[in-house]
Structures are given as C-alpha cells and as structure tokens.
Protein backbone atom coordinates (compact mmCIF):
# COMPACT_ATOMS: atom_id res chain seq x y z
CA UNK A 1 104.08 81.15 -100.65
CA UNK A 2 102.53 79.04 -103.44
CA UNK A 3 98.90 78.98 -104.21
CA UNK A 4 96.55 76.00 -104.85
CA UNK A 5 92.89 76.07 -106.24
CA UNK A 6 90.53 73.49 -107.42
CA UNK A 7 87.03 72.65 -108.56
CA UNK A 8 85.14 69.50 -107.96
CA UNK A 9 81.63 68.99 -109.62
CA UNK A 10 79.82 65.81 -108.73
CA UNK A 11 77.00 66.39 -111.15
CA UNK A 12 78.99 64.82 -113.90
CA UNK A 13 79.25 68.05 -115.85
CA UNK A 14 82.74 68.82 -117.41
CA UNK A 15 84.77 71.35 -115.51
CA UNK A 16 84.97 74.74 -117.13
CA UNK A 17 88.52 75.40 -118.05
CA UNK A 18 88.05 79.06 -118.28
CA UNK A 19 86.61 79.21 -114.68
CA UNK A 20 89.86 77.37 -113.32
CA UNK A 21 92.15 79.49 -115.34
CA UNK A 22 90.44 82.70 -113.89
CA UNK A 23 90.88 81.11 -110.34
CA UNK A 24 94.43 80.25 -111.00
CA UNK A 25 94.90 83.84 -112.32
CA UNK A 26 93.45 85.56 -109.16
CA UNK A 27 96.05 83.92 -106.99
CA UNK A 28 98.95 84.98 -109.16
CA UNK A 29 100.48 87.10 -106.50
CA UNK A 30 101.00 83.79 -104.47
CA UNK A 31 103.17 82.47 -107.03
CA UNK A 32 104.32 84.47 -110.02
CA UNK A 33 107.09 82.04 -111.13
CA UNK A 34 105.00 79.27 -112.65
CA UNK A 35 101.51 77.96 -113.12
CA UNK A 36 99.87 74.55 -113.75
CA UNK A 37 96.46 73.36 -114.37
CA UNK A 38 94.89 69.84 -114.85
CA UNK A 39 91.21 68.90 -115.75
CA UNK A 40 90.20 65.51 -115.50
CA UNK A 41 86.45 64.60 -115.39
CA UNK A 42 84.81 65.97 -112.39
CA UNK A 43 87.95 67.64 -110.99
CA UNK A 44 89.99 70.54 -111.95
CA UNK A 45 93.31 71.48 -110.13
CA UNK A 46 95.46 74.67 -110.28
CA UNK A 47 98.84 75.72 -108.95
CA UNK A 48 100.80 79.00 -108.75
CA UNK A 49 104.56 78.49 -107.87
CA UNK A 50 106.77 80.71 -106.06
CA UNK A 51 110.45 79.58 -106.69
CA UNK A 52 112.60 79.71 -103.72
CA UNK A 53 114.06 76.31 -103.50
CA UNK A 54 114.60 73.97 -106.54
CA UNK A 55 114.16 76.84 -108.95
CA UNK A 56 114.66 74.59 -111.95
CA UNK A 57 112.13 71.75 -111.00
CA UNK A 58 108.89 71.64 -109.00
CA UNK A 59 106.26 72.11 -111.86
CA UNK A 60 102.84 71.08 -110.93
CA UNK A 61 100.48 69.15 -111.11
CA UNK A 62 102.80 66.30 -110.44
CA UNK A 63 101.82 62.68 -111.49
CA UNK A 64 102.86 59.14 -110.55
CA UNK A 65 104.78 56.89 -112.77
CA UNK A 66 101.88 56.15 -115.25
CA UNK A 67 100.07 59.55 -114.96
CA UNK A 68 96.96 58.11 -113.30
CA UNK A 69 97.42 60.00 -110.07
CA UNK A 70 97.94 63.68 -109.93
CA UNK A 71 98.46 66.05 -107.07
CA UNK A 72 99.16 69.80 -106.33
CA UNK A 73 100.70 70.71 -103.05
CA UNK A 74 102.68 73.21 -101.14
CA UNK A 75 105.63 71.54 -99.33
C-alpha cells in the first residue's frame, strides 16, 4: 500500500523541506519503490509508491496540463 504525507502552515512561513523529507522517510515501508515531494508556499506533499500495477508509470505528485494543480493519491 502506498503512503501519503503532508504539511499545511497557514501562518505564511515556508514549509521546511527537511521536515517533509523526514516524514516521507518514516513511511518508506508503505512504498519502497518510489517517492515524490512537492513544496509550494504553505503546502508540502509527500508520496511513497508501492509498484504493483503500472510499474513503469505512476510517479507522484501528479500535475494538470499546466502544472498549477498538483495531487498525491492512493488509487
């Protein structure tokens, strides 16, 4: 099963990338086959991937056509 983590800070302070990376590392057992992180303003998203189906694709976070919207999910 994949793993998802995130940080949201409404105080306006930038997200600490090291904190997000540590959070993502803690859930490595949930998805040892890949990882991704995105920090944008007040939000940071992390994802760990377990490749069972679509082994060649599925890297996350995934963005829309122009990259303005990003998402992590476990489908």
